[in-house]
C-alpha cells in the first residue's frame, strides 16, 4: 500500500460555482500520503518515496486507529505565520537523527490531512469525496500532530480571503468525486495566487571575481522539443543556498549546453553546464513571458523530477 500515489489537481482558470463543488485552502508545503499499519506511521512523497525519517514529530499514530491511509500536506509557518515551502525545504532531505531532531524542534511541522483513502481495511477511494470527508471528520487526529482543514461552500469568498491573507490559493473539488490514485483529474481544480513555478537547472554561474562561489542558476522548462530556456535566477541565493546548490550540482557537470535554442550570450558567458535533472521552485512577477520576470529562488524540489514537469 505505501506504493500508492496521490491524486493530482488540474490548474483552473476560475473558481467553479455550484453546490456540487467544495473548496479548500491550497497549502504551500510537501504533499504526503500517510499510512498507519501495526501502530507505525509511514509517510511517502508525491513520487512514492519514503520520507518518514525527516518528520519525527508526525510519527505518532492517531489514538485508536489500527489501519489508515490519508492524503495531505506537510506544512510549517514562516515569520508571518503563513505556510511557506521555503521554511521546510531544508528538512526534506535531512536524515541524520541529530540534525532531524534539531530541525523538528526549531521548525515544527503540521500534517494537514484533507482526504481519507482507507480505514480498518476498507478501501474508501471509490466513495464520493463528501463521504470520505465525513468519515475523516470523525477521527481524532490532533494527538498525532495532524489536523483536518476546513472545507467551504463559498469558493469566491475563500479565493478572496486566501489572497488577502497571503496564502497560496485554493483547491476546488467536486463533492461526488472518487479518489483516483496517481491521476490528474478535472474534478479537482487548483487556483494559485502566487506566480510560482518549478523549473529545471541547466547550468550555474559564479559570483563575479570568483570561479567557485555559485551566484545564479540558469533554468529551463521541459517541452516536447527539449529544455526551453527561461532565464537566470540569482535573487534568493544567499551563502547557505549557494553552498548547498554547488554541492548538489558538482557531480552533474557536463560540457554541452542542455538547452534547446539560443541562450543569451550574457547568460551563457562563464556558465558551467549541468545535467538537467535538478528541479527548483521559482517565484516571478507576472506570467506568460518568454523570460522569467524578477525571478526569486525558493528551494530545491527533491519530491519532483524533470519528467514530472
C-alpha atoms as a PDB file:
ATOM      1  CA  UNK A   1       0.000   0.000   0.000  1.00  0.00           C
ATOM      2  CA  UNK A   2       2.862   2.540   0.568  1.00  0.00           C
ATOM      3  CA  UNK A   3       3.409   2.418  -3.221  1.00  0.00           C
ATOM      4  CA  UNK A   4       0.146   4.357  -3.644  1.00  0.00           C
ATOM      5  CA  UNK A   5       0.488   7.749  -5.369  1.00  0.00           C
ATOM      6  CA  UNK A   6      -1.662  10.807  -4.606  1.00  0.00           C
ATOM      7  CA  UNK A   7      -4.444  12.105  -6.831  1.00  0.00           C
ATOM      8  CA  UNK A   8      -3.488  15.397  -8.506  1.00  0.00           C
ATOM      9  CA  UNK A   9      -5.442  18.560  -9.271  1.00  0.00           C
ATOM     10  CA  UNK A  10      -5.659  20.282 -12.652  1.00  0.00           C
ATOM     11  CA  UNK A  11      -4.783  24.006 -12.865  1.00  0.00           C
ATOM     12  CA  UNK A  12      -8.013  26.000 -13.063  1.00  0.00           C
ATOM     13  CA  UNK A  13      -8.779  29.355 -14.667  1.00  0.00           C
ATOM     14  CA  UNK A  14     -11.668  30.400 -12.407  1.00  0.00           C
ATOM     15  CA  UNK A  15     -13.426  29.306  -9.227  1.00  0.00           C
ATOM     16  CA  UNK A  16     -16.205  26.842 -10.112  1.00  0.00           C
ATOM     17  CA  UNK A  17     -19.662  27.677  -8.785  1.00  0.00           C
ATOM     18  CA  UNK A  18     -22.493  25.421  -7.676  1.00  0.00           C
ATOM     19  CA  UNK A  19     -23.459  23.155  -4.796  1.00  0.00           C
ATOM     20  CA  UNK A  20     -21.617  20.248  -6.397  1.00  0.00           C
ATOM     21  CA  UNK A  21     -18.272  21.915  -5.532  1.00  0.00           C
ATOM     22  CA  UNK A  22     -16.495  22.391  -2.198  1.00  0.00           C
ATOM     23  CA  UNK A  23     -13.353  24.434  -1.663  1.00  0.00           C
ATOM     24  CA  UNK A  24     -10.224  24.139   0.495  1.00  0.00           C
ATOM     25  CA  UNK A  25      -7.104  26.168   1.191  1.00  0.00           C
ATOM     26  CA  UNK A  26      -4.177  25.259  -1.067  1.00  0.00           C
ATOM     27  CA  UNK A  27      -1.275  24.608   1.302  1.00  0.00           C
ATOM     28  CA  UNK A  28       2.284  25.620   0.433  1.00  0.00           C
ATOM     29  CA  UNK A  29       4.135  22.573   1.714  1.00  0.00           C
ATOM     30  CA  UNK A  30       5.127  18.991   0.909  1.00  0.00           C
ATOM     31  CA  UNK A  31       2.440  16.638  -0.390  1.00  0.00           C
ATOM     32  CA  UNK A  32       2.466  13.376   1.524  1.00  0.00           C
ATOM     33  CA  UNK A  33       0.424  10.224   1.940  1.00  0.00           C
ATOM     34  CA  UNK A  34       0.255   8.884   5.490  1.00  0.00           C
ATOM     35  CA  UNK A  35      -0.030   5.162   6.272  1.00  0.00           C
ATOM     36  CA  UNK A  36      -0.767   3.704   9.720  1.00  0.00           C
ATOM     37  CA  UNK A  37      -0.202  -0.038   9.960  1.00  0.00           C
ATOM     38  CA  UNK A  38       0.524  -2.012  13.110  1.00  0.00           C
ATOM     39  CA  UNK A  39       0.957   1.152  15.168  1.00  0.00           C
ATOM     40  CA  UNK A  40       3.616   2.535  12.796  1.00  0.00           C
ATOM     41  CA  UNK A  41       3.337   5.676  10.673  1.00  0.00           C
ATOM     42  CA  UNK A  42       4.865   5.754   7.185  1.00  0.00           C
ATOM     43  CA  UNK A  43       4.940   8.949   5.116  1.00  0.00           C
ATOM     44  CA  UNK A  44       5.551   8.896   1.357  1.00  0.00           C
ATOM     45  CA  UNK A  45       6.135  11.767  -1.065  1.00  0.00           C
ATOM     46  CA  UNK A  46       4.284  12.711  -4.226  1.00  0.00           C
ATOM     47  CA  UNK A  47       6.605  10.350  -6.113  1.00  0.00           C
ATOM     48  CA  UNK A  48       6.191   7.467  -3.696  1.00  0.00           C
ATOM     49  CA  UNK A  49       9.490   7.938  -1.850  1.00  0.00           C
ATOM     50  CA  UNK A  50       9.520   7.198   1.878  1.00  0.00           C
ATOM     51  CA  UNK A  51      10.122  10.454   3.766  1.00  0.00           C
ATOM     52  CA  UNK A  52       9.176   9.392   7.310  1.00  0.00           C
ATOM     53  CA  UNK A  53      12.633   9.954   8.927  1.00  0.00           C
ATOM     54  CA  UNK A  54      12.535  13.679   8.091  1.00  0.00           C
ATOM     55  CA  UNK A  55       9.378  14.252  10.171  1.00  0.00           C
ATOM     56  CA  UNK A  56       9.723  12.664  13.630  1.00  0.00           C
ATOM     57  CA  UNK A  57       7.032  14.908  15.146  1.00  0.00           C
ATOM     58  CA  UNK A  58       4.465  13.369  12.764  1.00  0.00           C
ATOM     59  CA  UNK A  59       5.221   9.720  13.516  1.00  0.00           C
ATOM     60  CA  UNK A  60       2.780   9.242  16.415  1.00  0.00           C
ATOM     61  CA  UNK A  61      -0.240   7.295  15.142  1.00  0.00           C
ATOM     62  CA  UNK A  62      -3.706   8.693  15.929  1.00  0.00           C
ATOM     63  CA  UNK A  63      -5.166   7.023  19.056  1.00  0.00           C
ATOM     64  CA  UNK A  64      -7.397   4.031  18.415  1.00  0.00           C
ATOM     65  CA  UNK A  65      -6.528   3.820  14.714  1.00  0.00           C
ATOM     66  CA  UNK A  66      -5.196   0.432  13.615  1.00  0.00           C
ATOM     67  CA  UNK A  67      -5.273   0.705   9.833  1.00  0.00           C
ATOM     68  CA  UNK A  68      -5.382   4.012   7.976  1.00  0.00           C
ATOM     69  CA  UNK A  69      -4.323   5.761   4.749  1.00  0.00           C
ATOM     70  CA  UNK A  70      -4.704   9.530   4.402  1.00  0.00           C
ATOM     71  CA  UNK A  71      -3.665  12.255   1.979  1.00  0.00           C
ATOM     72  CA  UNK A  72      -2.457  15.690   2.977  1.00  0.00           C
ATOM     73  CA  UNK A  73       0.235  18.352   3.016  1.00  0.00           C
ATOM     74  CA  UNK A  74       3.108  18.782   5.474  1.00  0.00           C
ATOM     75  CA  UNK A  75       3.431  22.484   6.297  1.00  0.00           C
ATOM     76  CA  UNK A  76       5.356  24.870   8.542  1.00  0.00           C
ATOM     77  CA  UNK A  77       4.808  28.569   9.184  1.00  0.00           C
ATOM     78  CA  UNK A  78       7.134  31.427   8.253  1.00  0.00           C
ATOM     79  CA  UNK A  79       7.782  34.555  10.318  1.00  0.00           C
ATOM     80  CA  UNK A  80       4.439  35.990   9.198  1.00  0.00           C
ATOM     81  CA  UNK A  81       2.544  32.933  10.389  1.00  0.00           C
ATOM     82  CA  UNK A  82       1.831  31.798   6.826  1.00  0.00           C
ATOM     83  CA  UNK A  83       2.553  28.293   5.443  1.00  0.00           C
ATOM     84  CA  UNK A  84       5.706  28.558   3.340  1.00  0.00           C
ATOM     85  CA  UNK A  85       7.540  25.795   1.450  1.00  0.00           C
ATOM     86  CA  UNK A  86      10.852  27.598   1.903  1.00  0.00           C
ATOM     87  CA  UNK A  87      10.642  27.121   5.683  1.00  0.00           C
ATOM     88  CA  UNK A  88      10.693  23.327   5.405  1.00  0.00           C
ATOM     89  CA  UNK A  89      12.783  22.972   2.236  1.00  0.00           C
ATOM     90  CA  UNK A  90      15.905  22.306   4.306  1.00  0.00           C
ATOM     91  CA  UNK A  91      14.184  19.449   6.142  1.00  0.00           C
ATOM     92  CA  UNK A  92      13.108  17.414   3.138  1.00  0.00           C
ATOM     93  CA  UNK A  93      16.399  15.630   2.503  1.00  0.00           C
ATOM     94  CA  UNK A  94      17.948  15.587   6.018  1.00  0.00           C
ATOM     95  CA  UNK A  95      18.341  12.118   7.507  1.00  0.00           C
ATOM     96  CA  UNK A  96      20.946  12.434  10.303  1.00  0.00           C
ATOM     97  CA  UNK A  97      18.985  11.859  13.546  1.00  0.00           C
ATOM     98  CA  UNK A  98      20.639  14.706  15.469  1.00  0.00           C
ATOM     99  CA  UNK A  99      20.047  17.209  12.667  1.00  0.00           C
ATOM    100  CA  UNK A 100      16.487  15.983  12.134  1.00  0.00           C
ATOM    101  CA  UNK A 101      15.710  16.385  15.834  1.00  0.00           C
ATOM    102  CA  UNK A 102      17.158  19.913  15.892  1.00  0.00           C
ATOM    103  CA  UNK A 103      15.177  20.991  12.844  1.00  0.00           C
ATOM    104  CA  UNK A 104      11.989  19.409  14.179  1.00  0.00           C
ATOM    105  CA  UNK A 105      12.370  21.442  17.363  1.00  0.00           C
ATOM    106  CA  UNK A 106      13.124  24.726  15.576  1.00  0.00           C
ATOM    107  CA  UNK A 107      10.819  24.275  12.550  1.00  0.00           C
ATOM    108  CA  UNK A 108       7.875  22.173  13.766  1.00  0.00           C
ATOM    109  CA  UNK A 109       5.685  20.749  11.036  1.00  0.00           C
ATOM    110  CA  UNK A 110       1.965  20.042  10.882  1.00  0.00           C
ATOM    111  CA  UNK A 111       0.291  17.423   8.704  1.00  0.00           C
ATOM    112  CA  UNK A 112      -2.843  18.926   7.128  1.00  0.00           C
ATOM    113  CA  UNK A 113      -4.939  15.849   6.286  1.00  0.00           C
ATOM    114  CA  UNK A 114      -7.636  16.527   3.694  1.00  0.00           C
ATOM    115  CA  UNK A 115      -8.650  13.061   2.485  1.00  0.00           C
ATOM    116  CA  UNK A 116      -9.208   9.546   3.829  1.00  0.00           C
ATOM    117  CA  UNK A 117      -8.355   6.661   1.486  1.00  0.00           C
ATOM    118  CA  UNK A 118      -8.551   3.592   3.717  1.00  0.00           C
ATOM    119  CA  UNK A 119      -9.854   2.834   7.192  1.00  0.00           C
ATOM    120  CA  UNK A 120      -9.661  -0.504   9.022  1.00  0.00           C
ATOM    121  CA  UNK A 121      -9.077  -2.436   5.819  1.00  0.00           C
ATOM    122  CA  UNK A 122     -11.836  -0.768   3.787  1.00  0.00           C
ATOM    123  CA  UNK A 123     -10.814   0.911   0.529  1.00  0.00           C
ATOM    124  CA  UNK A 124     -12.607   4.269   0.538  1.00  0.00           C
ATOM    125  CA  UNK A 125     -11.241   5.573  -2.791  1.00  0.00           C
ATOM    126  CA  UNK A 126     -14.394   4.653  -4.779  1.00  0.00           C
ATOM    127  CA  UNK A 127     -16.616   6.591  -2.346  1.00  0.00           C
ATOM    128  CA  UNK A 128     -17.593  10.211  -3.119  1.00  0.00           C
ATOM    129  CA  UNK A 129     -15.475  12.933  -1.539  1.00  0.00           C
ATOM    130  CA  UNK A 130     -18.248  14.112   0.788  1.00  0.00           C
ATOM    131  CA  UNK A 131     -18.462  10.640   2.353  1.00  0.00           C
ATOM    132  CA  UNK A 132     -14.685  10.321   2.718  1.00  0.00           C
ATOM    133  CA  UNK A 133     -14.582  13.762   4.376  1.00  0.00           C
ATOM    134  CA  UNK A 134     -17.440  12.809   6.725  1.00  0.00           C
ATOM    135  CA  UNK A 135     -15.540   9.768   7.950  1.00  0.00           C
ATOM    136  CA  UNK A 136     -12.312  11.762   8.205  1.00  0.00           C
ATOM    137  CA  UNK A 137     -14.017  14.343  10.427  1.00  0.00           C
ATOM    138  CA  UNK A 138     -14.952  11.561  12.846  1.00  0.00           C
ATOM    139  CA  UNK A 139     -11.320  10.626  13.569  1.00  0.00           C
ATOM    140  CA  UNK A 140      -9.211  12.067  16.397  1.00  0.00           C
ATOM    141  CA  UNK A 141      -6.039  13.137  14.587  1.00  0.00           C
ATOM    142  CA  UNK A 142      -4.936  16.054  16.792  1.00  0.00           C
ATOM    143  CA  UNK A 143      -2.959  13.829  19.177  1.00  0.00           C
ATOM    144  CA  UNK A 144      -0.760  12.798  16.232  1.00  0.00           C
ATOM    145  CA  UNK A 145       0.076  16.388  15.302  1.00  0.00           C
ATOM    146  CA  UNK A 146      -2.279  16.073  12.351  1.00  0.00           C
ATOM    147  CA  UNK A 147      -5.099  18.485  11.509  1.00  0.00           C
ATOM    148  CA  UNK A 148      -8.164  18.252   9.286  1.00  0.00           C
ATOM    149  CA  UNK A 149      -8.532  21.600   7.493  1.00  0.00           C
ATOM    150  CA  UNK A 150     -11.959  23.092   6.914  1.00  0.00           C
ATOM    151  CA  UNK A 151     -13.812  22.962   3.621  1.00  0.00           C
ATOM    152  CA  UNK A 152     -16.005  25.798   2.367  1.00  0.00           C
ATOM    153  CA  UNK A 153     -19.118  26.161   0.235  1.00  0.00           C
ATOM    154  CA  UNK A 154     -18.326  29.699  -0.966  1.00  0.00           C
ATOM    155  CA  UNK A 155     -15.386  29.400  -3.357  1.00  0.00           C
ATOM    156  CA  UNK A 156     -15.121  33.063  -4.423  1.00  0.00           C
ATOM    157  CA  UNK A 157     -15.109  34.134  -0.770  1.00  0.00           C
ATOM    158  CA  UNK A 158     -12.316  31.696   0.073  1.00  0.00           C
ATOM    159  CA  UNK A 159     -10.370  32.742  -3.016  1.00  0.00           C
ATOM    160  CA  UNK A 160     -10.503  36.414  -1.979  1.00  0.00           C
ATOM    161  CA  UNK A 161      -9.742  35.635   1.672  1.00  0.00           C
ATOM    162  CA  UNK A 162      -6.699  33.484   0.924  1.00  0.00           C
ATOM    163  CA  UNK A 163      -5.319  36.147  -1.406  1.00  0.00           C
ATOM    164  CA  UNK A 164      -5.751  38.793   1.300  1.00  0.00           C
ATOM    165  CA  UNK A 165      -4.029  36.559   3.872  1.00  0.00           C
ATOM    166  CA  UNK A 166      -1.069  35.811   1.633  1.00  0.00           C
ATOM    167  CA  UNK A 167      -1.888  32.111   1.264  1.00  0.00           C
ATOM    168  CA  UNK A 168      -1.003  30.135  -1.846  1.00  0.00           C
ATOM    169  CA  UNK A 169      -4.525  29.734  -3.229  1.00  0.00           C
ATOM    170  CA  UNK A 170      -7.426  27.304  -3.133  1.00  0.00           C
ATOM    171  CA  UNK A 171      -8.358  23.850  -4.412  1.00  0.00           C
ATOM    172  CA  UNK A 172     -11.926  23.257  -5.616  1.00  0.00           C
ATOM    173  CA  UNK A 173     -13.228  19.681  -5.609  1.00  0.00           C
ATOM    174  CA  UNK A 174     -16.414  18.040  -6.785  1.00  0.00           C
ATOM    175  CA  UNK A 175     -18.254  16.570  -3.812  1.00  0.00           C
ATOM    176  CA  UNK A 176     -19.094  13.413  -5.782  1.00  0.00           C
ATOM    177  CA  UNK A 177     -15.520  12.771  -6.959  1.00  0.00           C
ATOM    178  CA  UNK A 178     -13.899   9.410  -6.311  1.00  0.00           C
ATOM    179  CA  UNK A 179     -10.219   9.314  -5.339  1.00  0.00           C
ATOM    180  CA  UNK A 180      -8.119   8.183  -8.317  1.00  0.00           C
ATOM    181  CA  UNK A 181      -4.551   7.438  -7.134  1.00  0.00           C
ATOM    182  CA  UNK A 182      -1.807   8.789  -9.376  1.00  0.00           C
ATOM    183  CA  UNK A 183      -4.218  10.546 -11.749  1.00  0.00           C
ATOM    184  CA  UNK A 184      -4.576  14.253 -12.517  1.00  0.00           C
ATOM    185  CA  UNK A 185      -8.292  14.976 -12.517  1.00  0.00           C
ATOM    186  CA  UNK A 186     -10.536  17.830 -13.674  1.00  0.00           C
ATOM    187  CA  UNK A 187     -12.727  17.000 -10.674  1.00  0.00           C
ATOM    188  CA  UNK A 188     -10.054  18.730  -8.582  1.00  0.00           C
ATOM    189  CA  UNK A 189      -9.028  22.241  -9.671  1.00  0.00           C
ATOM    190  CA  UNK A 190      -6.168  24.251  -8.163  1.00  0.00           C
ATOM    191  CA  UNK A 191      -6.118  28.050  -8.307  1.00  0.00           C
ATOM    192  CA  UNK A 192      -2.851  29.575  -7.066  1.00  0.00           C
ATOM    193  CA  UNK A 193      -2.340  33.259  -6.265  1.00  0.00           C
ATOM    194  CA  UNK A 194       1.425  33.350  -6.459  1.00  0.00           C
ATOM    195  CA  UNK A 195       3.239  33.189  -9.742  1.00  0.00           C
ATOM    196  CA  UNK A 196       5.385  30.286  -8.625  1.00  0.00           C
ATOM    197  CA  UNK A 197       6.621  27.517 -10.867  1.00  0.00           C
ATOM    198  CA  UNK A 198       9.047  24.620 -10.931  1.00  0.00           C
ATOM    199  CA  UNK A 199      11.979  24.687 -13.366  1.00  0.00           C
ATOM    200  CA  UNK A 200      14.994  22.548 -14.205  1.00  0.00           C
ATOM    201  CA  UNK A 201      18.558  23.776 -13.665  1.00  0.00           C
ATOM    202  CA  UNK A 202      20.728  23.543 -16.779  1.00  0.00           C
ATOM    203  CA  UNK A 203      23.768  25.495 -15.597  1.00  0.00           C
ATOM    204  CA  UNK A 204      25.204  27.814 -12.962  1.00  0.00           C
ATOM    205  CA  UNK A 205      27.259  30.996 -12.943  1.00  0.00           C
ATOM    206  CA  UNK A 206      29.881  32.026 -10.362  1.00  0.00           C
ATOM    207  CA  UNK A 207      29.972  35.296  -8.486  1.00  0.00           C
ATOM    208  CA  UNK A 208      31.932  37.970 -10.329  1.00  0.00           C
ATOM    209  CA  UNK A 209      35.597  37.781  -9.359  1.00  0.00           C
ATOM    210  CA  UNK A 210      35.377  34.131  -8.282  1.00  0.00           C
ATOM    211  CA  UNK A 211      35.302  30.792 -10.045  1.00  0.00           C
ATOM    212  CA  UNK A 212      33.625  28.616  -7.410  1.00  0.00           C
ATOM    213  CA  UNK A 213      31.039  30.642  -5.480  1.00  0.00           C
ATOM    214  CA  UNK A 214      27.682  29.891  -7.140  1.00  0.00           C
ATOM    215  CA  UNK A 215      25.715  33.120  -7.587  1.00  0.00           C
ATOM    216  CA  UNK A 216      22.987  32.200 -10.079  1.00  0.00           C
ATOM    217  CA  UNK A 217      21.466  29.262 -11.916  1.00  0.00           C
ATOM    218  CA  UNK A 218      20.138  29.033 -15.454  1.00  0.00           C
ATOM    219  CA  UNK A 219      16.745  27.331 -15.589  1.00  0.00           C
ATOM    220  CA  UNK A 220      14.500  25.886 -18.256  1.00  0.00           C
ATOM    221  CA  UNK A 221      11.073  24.437 -18.811  1.00  0.00           C
ATOM    222  CA  UNK A 222      10.782  20.908 -20.232  1.00  0.00           C
ATOM    223  CA  UNK A 223       8.871  20.798 -23.535  1.00  0.00           C
ATOM    224  CA  UNK A 224       8.277  18.206 -26.216  1.00  0.00           C
ATOM    225  CA  UNK A 225      11.256  19.688 -28.091  1.00  0.00           C
ATOM    226  CA  UNK A 226      13.645  19.728 -25.126  1.00  0.00           C
ATOM    227  CA  UNK A 227      14.585  22.060 -22.280  1.00  0.00           C
ATOM    228  CA  UNK A 228      13.403  25.563 -23.191  1.00  0.00           C
ATOM    229  CA  UNK A 229      15.499  28.329 -21.613  1.00  0.00           C
ATOM    230  CA  UNK A 230      13.513  30.568 -19.252  1.00  0.00           C
ATOM    231  CA  UNK A 231      16.145  32.729 -17.585  1.00  0.00           C
ATOM    232  CA  UNK A 232      18.785  33.271 -14.938  1.00  0.00           C
ATOM    233  CA  UNK A 233      17.883  33.121 -11.251  1.00  0.00           C
ATOM    234  CA  UNK A 234      20.142  34.788  -8.691  1.00  0.00           C
ATOM    235  CA  UNK A 235      17.825  36.501  -6.230  1.00  0.00           C
ATOM    236  CA  UNK A 236      17.187  34.367  -3.154  1.00  0.00           C
ATOM    237  CA  UNK A 237      20.500  32.510  -3.415  1.00  0.00           C
ATOM    238  CA  UNK A 238      22.424  33.519  -0.303  1.00  0.00           C
ATOM    239  CA  UNK A 239      25.629  31.943   1.043  1.00  0.00           C
ATOM    240  CA  UNK A 240      23.817  28.954   2.549  1.00  0.00           C
ATOM    241  CA  UNK A 241      21.785  28.264  -0.591  1.00  0.00           C
ATOM    242  CA  UNK A 242      24.881  28.794  -2.748  1.00  0.00           C
ATOM    243  CA  UNK A 243      26.871  26.137  -0.893  1.00  0.00           C
ATOM    244  CA  UNK A 244      24.015  23.634  -0.987  1.00  0.00           C
ATOM    245  CA  UNK A 245      23.377  24.134  -4.693  1.00  0.00           C
ATOM    246  CA  UNK A 246      27.077  23.966  -5.571  1.00  0.00           C
ATOM    247  CA  UNK A 247      27.392  20.654  -3.723  1.00  0.00           C
ATOM    248  CA  UNK A 248      24.260  19.288  -5.405  1.00  0.00           C
ATOM    249  CA  UNK A 249      25.324  20.320  -8.917  1.00  0.00           C
ATOM    250  CA  UNK A 250      29.033  19.442  -8.743  1.00  0.00           C
ATOM    251  CA  UNK A 251      28.624  15.771  -9.805  1.00  0.00           C
ATOM    252  CA  UNK A 252      26.333  16.781 -12.683  1.00  0.00           C
ATOM    253  CA  UNK A 253      28.822  18.886 -14.703  1.00  0.00           C
ATOM    254  CA  UNK A 254      28.751  18.396 -18.470  1.00  0.00           C
ATOM    255  CA  UNK A 255      30.451  20.078 -21.418  1.00  0.00           C
ATOM    256  CA  UNK A 256      27.446  20.736 -23.649  1.00  0.00           C
ATOM    257  CA  UNK A 257      24.660  23.267 -23.192  1.00  0.00           C
ATOM    258  CA  UNK A 258      21.494  21.264 -22.270  1.00  0.00           C
ATOM    259  CA  UNK A 259      19.052  23.906 -23.511  1.00  0.00           C
ATOM    260  CA  UNK A 260      17.393  23.850 -26.919  1.00  0.00           C
ATOM    261  CA  UNK A 261      17.561  27.091 -28.875  1.00  0.00           C
ATOM    262  CA  UNK A 262      19.713  30.058 -28.022  1.00  0.00           C
ATOM    263  CA  UNK A 263      20.857  31.118 -24.559  1.00  0.00           C
ATOM    264  CA  UNK A 264      21.714  34.851 -24.464  1.00  0.00           C
ATOM    265  CA  UNK A 265      25.468  35.451 -24.632  1.00  0.00           C
ATOM    266  CA  UNK A 266      25.463  37.449 -21.397  1.00  0.00           C
ATOM    267  CA  UNK A 267      23.875  34.489 -19.583  1.00  0.00           C
ATOM    268  CA  UNK A 268      25.976  31.775 -21.205  1.00  0.00           C
ATOM    269  CA  UNK A 269      29.317  33.502 -20.575  1.00  0.00           C
ATOM    270  CA  UNK A 270      31.148  31.801 -17.708  1.00  0.00           C
ATOM    271  CA  UNK A 271      28.392  29.264 -17.162  1.00  0.00           C
ATOM    272  CA  UNK A 272      29.114  25.710 -16.027  1.00  0.00           C
ATOM    273  CA  UNK A 273      26.588  23.404 -17.711  1.00  0.00           C
ATOM    274  CA  UNK A 274      24.996  20.547 -15.781  1.00  0.00           C
ATOM    275  CA  UNK A 275      22.767  17.575 -16.485  1.00  0.00           C
ATOM    276  CA  UNK A 276      19.153  18.873 -16.391  1.00  0.00           C
ATOM    277  CA  UNK A 277      17.814  16.802 -13.509  1.00  0.00           C
ATOM    278  CA  UNK A 278      17.588  19.165 -10.512  1.00  0.00           C
ATOM    279  CA  UNK A 279      14.199  20.867 -10.063  1.00  0.00           C
ATOM    280  CA  UNK A 280      13.789  24.136  -8.146  1.00  0.00           C
ATOM    281  CA  UNK A 281      10.861  26.398  -7.310  1.00  0.00           C
ATOM    282  CA  UNK A 282      10.984  29.999  -8.554  1.00  0.00           C
ATOM    283  CA  UNK A 283       8.709  32.949  -7.754  1.00  0.00           C
ATOM    284  CA  UNK A 284       8.235  35.515 -10.509  1.00  0.00           C
ATOM    285  CA  UNK A 285       6.375  38.764 -11.196  1.00  0.00           C
ATOM    286  CA  UNK A 286       3.870  38.090 -13.944  1.00  0.00           C
ATOM    287  CA  UNK A 287       3.283  35.106 -16.189  1.00  0.00           C
ATOM    288  CA  UNK A 288       3.258  34.468 -19.912  1.00  0.00           C
ATOM    289  CA  UNK A 289       6.673  35.991 -20.640  1.00  0.00           C
ATOM    290  CA  UNK A 290       9.466  34.327 -22.588  1.00  0.00           C
ATOM    291  CA  UNK A 291      11.902  35.059 -19.734  1.00  0.00           C
ATOM    292  CA  UNK A 292      11.075  34.916 -16.040  1.00  0.00           C
ATOM    293  CA  UNK A 293      10.479  38.421 -14.624  1.00  0.00           C
ATOM    294  CA  UNK A 294      12.350  39.258 -11.417  1.00  0.00           C
ATOM    295  CA  UNK A 295      12.739  35.571 -10.519  1.00  0.00           C
ATOM    296  CA  UNK A 296      13.496  34.553  -6.949  1.00  0.00           C
ATOM    297  CA  UNK A 297      14.879  31.165  -5.914  1.00  0.00           C
ATOM    298  CA  UNK A 298      12.589  29.354  -3.445  1.00  0.00           C
ATOM    299  CA  UNK A 299      14.256  25.985  -2.908  1.00  0.00           C
ATOM    300  CA  UNK A 300      15.081  22.584  -4.394  1.00  0.00           C
ATOM    301  CA  UNK A 301      12.142  20.256  -5.052  1.00  0.00           C
ATOM    302  CA  UNK A 302      13.537  16.848  -4.143  1.00  0.00           C
ATOM    303  CA  UNK A 303       9.997  15.494  -4.483  1.00  0.00           C
ATOM    304  CA  UNK A 304       9.817  16.379  -8.192  1.00  0.00           C
ATOM    305  CA  UNK A 305      11.768  15.259 -11.252  1.00  0.00           C
ATOM    306  CA  UNK A 306      12.182  16.892 -14.633  1.00  0.00           C
ATOM    307  CA  UNK A 307       9.810  14.255 -16.034  1.00  0.00           C
ATOM    308  CA  UNK A 308       7.115  15.400 -13.583  1.00  0.00           C
ATOM    309  CA  UNK A 309       7.166  18.845 -15.192  1.00  0.00           C
END
